[in-house]
Protein backbone atom coordinates (compact mmCIF):
# COMPACT_ATOMS: atom_id res chain seq x y z
CA MET A 1 -133.79 15.48 15.79
CA LYS A 2 -134.98 18.80 14.39
CA GLU A 3 -131.76 19.17 12.32
CA ALA A 4 -132.31 15.78 10.72
CA SER A 5 -135.88 16.65 9.73
CA THR A 6 -134.75 19.98 8.23
CA ALA A 7 -132.02 18.23 6.24
CA GLU A 8 -134.54 15.61 5.10
CA ASN A 9 -137.01 18.31 4.04
CA THR A 10 -134.29 20.14 2.12
CA ALA A 11 -133.17 16.97 0.37
CA LYS A 12 -136.77 16.03 -0.38
CA HIS A 13 -137.54 19.51 -1.78
CA VAL A 14 -134.38 19.60 -3.91
CA ARG A 15 -135.09 16.12 -5.22
CA ASN A 16 -138.67 17.13 -6.10
CA VAL A 17 -137.51 20.23 -7.98
CA THR A 18 -134.88 18.29 -9.90
CA ASP A 19 -137.13 15.32 -10.62
CA ASP A 20 -140.07 17.48 -11.72
CA PHE A 21 -138.44 20.59 -13.13
CA ASN A 22 -141.24 21.02 -15.67
CA GLY A 23 -143.79 21.13 -12.86
CA PHE A 24 -141.60 23.55 -10.89
CA TYR A 25 -141.29 25.75 -13.98
CA GLN A 26 -145.05 25.69 -14.59
CA GLN A 27 -145.70 26.60 -10.97
CA TYR A 28 -143.32 29.60 -10.73
CA ALA A 29 -142.78 30.87 -14.29
CA GLY A 30 -145.76 33.22 -14.08
CA ALA A 31 -144.52 34.87 -10.87
CA VAL A 32 -141.00 35.21 -12.30
CA TYR A 33 -142.30 36.73 -15.54
CA ARG A 34 -144.63 39.20 -13.79
CA THR A 35 -141.87 40.31 -11.45
CA ALA A 36 -139.43 40.76 -14.34
CA LEU A 37 -142.03 42.68 -16.34
CA ARG A 38 -142.66 45.08 -13.45
CA VAL A 39 -138.94 45.76 -13.08
CA THR A 40 -137.92 45.94 -16.74
CA GLY A 41 -141.16 47.36 -18.15
CA ASN A 42 -140.62 45.39 -21.34
CA ARG A 43 -142.11 42.01 -22.35
CA SER A 44 -139.09 40.92 -24.35
CA ASP A 45 -136.74 41.71 -21.47
CA ALA A 46 -139.08 39.94 -19.03
CA GLU A 47 -138.96 36.82 -21.22
CA ASP A 48 -135.15 36.99 -21.27
CA VAL A 49 -135.10 37.31 -17.48
CA LEU A 50 -137.51 34.38 -17.15
CA GLN A 51 -135.24 32.22 -19.25
CA ASN A 52 -132.09 33.34 -17.43
CA VAL A 53 -133.54 32.72 -13.97
CA PHE A 54 -134.49 29.14 -14.75
CA ILE A 55 -131.26 28.40 -16.62
CA ARG A 56 -129.25 29.71 -13.65
CA PHE A 57 -131.43 27.64 -11.35
CA LEU A 58 -130.67 24.48 -13.29
CA ASN A 59 -126.98 25.17 -13.86
CA ARG A 60 -126.25 26.06 -10.25
CA LYS A 61 -128.30 23.21 -8.80
CA VAL A 62 -129.77 25.61 -6.25
CA ILE A 63 -130.71 24.21 -2.86
CA LEU A 64 -133.82 25.95 -1.62
CA ASP A 65 -134.11 26.83 2.04
CA PRO A 66 -137.14 24.92 3.35
CA ARG A 67 -137.96 27.83 5.69
CA GLN A 68 -138.40 30.18 2.73
CA SER A 69 -141.05 29.77 0.08
CA PRO A 70 -139.76 28.80 -3.38
CA LYS A 71 -141.93 31.57 -4.86
CA SER A 72 -140.11 34.21 -2.79
CA TYR A 73 -136.75 32.80 -3.88
CA MET A 74 -137.75 32.82 -7.53
CA GLN A 75 -139.14 36.37 -7.33
CA ARG A 76 -135.94 37.60 -5.71
CA SER A 77 -133.98 35.88 -8.47
CA ALA A 78 -136.16 37.63 -11.05
CA VAL A 79 -135.59 41.02 -9.40
CA ASN A 80 -131.83 40.50 -9.35
CA ALA A 81 -131.69 39.27 -12.95
CA SER A 82 -133.86 42.20 -14.06
CA ILE A 83 -131.63 44.71 -12.33
CA ASP A 84 -128.58 43.07 -13.92
CA LEU A 85 -130.23 43.46 -17.32
CA LEU A 86 -131.06 47.12 -16.66
CA ARG A 87 -127.48 47.79 -15.57
CA ARG A 88 -126.05 46.16 -18.69
CA ARG A 89 -128.36 48.26 -20.82
CA ALA A 90 -127.46 51.46 -18.94
CA THR A 91 -123.79 51.00 -19.83
CA ARG A 92 -124.51 50.70 -23.56
CA PRO A 93 -124.98 53.88 -25.56
CA LEU A 94 -128.46 54.33 -27.00
CA PRO A 95 -128.73 54.63 -30.79
CA GLU A 96 -129.74 58.04 -32.12
CA LEU A 97 -133.32 58.26 -33.28
CA GLU A 98 -133.98 59.58 -36.75
CA GLU A 99 -137.02 61.50 -35.58
CA LYS A 100 -136.94 63.25 -32.25
CA LYS A 101 -140.03 62.52 -30.24
CA ASP A 102 -141.27 64.48 -27.27
CA THR A 103 -139.75 62.13 -24.71
CA HIS A 104 -139.29 64.87 -22.16
CA ASN A 105 -142.97 65.20 -21.36
CA MET A 106 -143.01 64.43 -17.63
CA ASP A 107 -146.67 63.39 -17.85
CA SER A 108 -145.70 60.49 -20.09
CA SER A 109 -146.09 57.23 -18.17
CA PRO A 110 -143.58 55.29 -20.34
CA PHE A 111 -141.09 58.12 -19.87
CA LEU A 112 -141.51 58.00 -16.07
CA LYS A 113 -141.17 54.22 -16.06
CA GLU A 114 -137.95 54.47 -18.05
CA LEU A 115 -136.61 57.06 -15.60
CA LEU A 116 -137.46 54.76 -12.69
CA HIS A 117 -135.81 51.79 -14.39
CA LYS A 118 -132.62 53.81 -14.92
CA ALA A 119 -132.67 55.04 -11.32
CA LEU A 120 -133.17 51.47 -10.03
CA ALA A 121 -130.19 50.33 -12.09
CA LYS A 122 -128.02 52.85 -10.23
CA LEU A 123 -128.98 51.53 -6.79
CA PRO A 124 -126.99 48.79 -5.05
CA SER A 125 -128.56 45.42 -5.90
CA HIS A 126 -129.79 44.74 -2.38
CA ASP A 127 -131.52 48.14 -2.17
CA ALA A 128 -133.15 47.79 -5.58
CA GLU A 129 -134.33 44.31 -4.63
CA ILE A 130 -135.98 45.54 -1.41
CA PHE A 131 -137.60 48.49 -3.23
CA VAL A 132 -139.01 46.30 -6.01
CA LEU A 133 -140.30 43.62 -3.64
CA CYS A 134 -142.02 46.23 -1.47
CA TYR A 135 -143.40 48.72 -3.97
CA LEU A 136 -143.84 46.64 -7.11
CA GLU A 137 -144.52 43.17 -5.70
CA GLY A 138 -146.49 44.32 -2.65
CA TYR A 139 -144.50 42.62 0.10
CA THR A 140 -145.09 44.03 3.58
CA TYR A 141 -142.27 45.25 5.81
CA GLU A 142 -142.80 42.17 7.98
CA GLU A 143 -142.52 39.80 5.02
CA LEU A 144 -139.35 41.54 3.85
CA ALA A 145 -137.88 41.41 7.35
CA ASP A 146 -138.52 37.64 7.42
CA GLN A 147 -137.02 37.13 3.97
CA PHE A 148 -133.90 39.15 4.69
CA GLY A 149 -133.50 37.99 8.28
CA THR A 150 -133.66 41.47 9.78
CA GLU A 151 -135.93 43.68 11.84
CA ARG A 152 -139.00 45.46 10.48
CA GLY A 153 -137.54 48.80 11.54
CA THR A 154 -134.39 48.14 9.55
CA ILE A 155 -136.48 47.49 6.43
CA ALA A 156 -138.47 50.69 7.04
CA SER A 157 -135.36 52.85 7.45
CA ARG A 158 -133.65 51.29 4.42
CA LEU A 159 -136.73 51.91 2.28
CA HIS A 160 -136.81 55.50 3.48
CA ARG A 161 -133.15 55.98 2.46
CA ILE A 162 -133.79 54.22 -0.87
CA LYS A 163 -136.77 56.49 -1.63
CA ASP A 164 -134.64 59.54 -0.76
CA ALA A 165 -131.90 58.35 -3.12
CA LEU A 166 -134.46 57.76 -5.90
CA LYS A 167 -136.05 61.17 -5.36
CA LYS A 168 -132.63 62.81 -5.58
CA ASP A 169 -131.74 60.87 -8.73
CA LEU A 170 -135.10 61.65 -10.32
CA ASN A 171 -135.00 65.32 -9.21
CA ILE A 172 -138.34 65.04 -7.44
């Protein structure tokens, strides 16, 4: 009986998303954009991620798990799409600047953000996703454990290893 109600809820939720995509977009676009902006640090890139997340959602006809909130799913999608974008950018050579600016000032917040973005792009996707959701989106260890179907202690130890890897990459 419980399986039938779960299947009915899933079908009902999928039907609602498909039937009222505009409403779904209006409801979650802000969360997707904010998440993408935190990861990419760039408004234009965040807009690209926003567009890509919803296009992927439509093209793949995603079936949302009724036990997980759609907002969490969309934020995770935004994190993954943002990291993909950062990785693509990291593989392209940067154009030479005509004027050299003092970009090596470690007190420069944009410089530090760029270093963090590059370091995140080097992490495995799953690790970068957990780091972003915890430290940029404010998810608790318990919420992450629920989302990833694991124990709180596992999340804590993974985040510790991730922070160590980032510190090593950033020479901190």
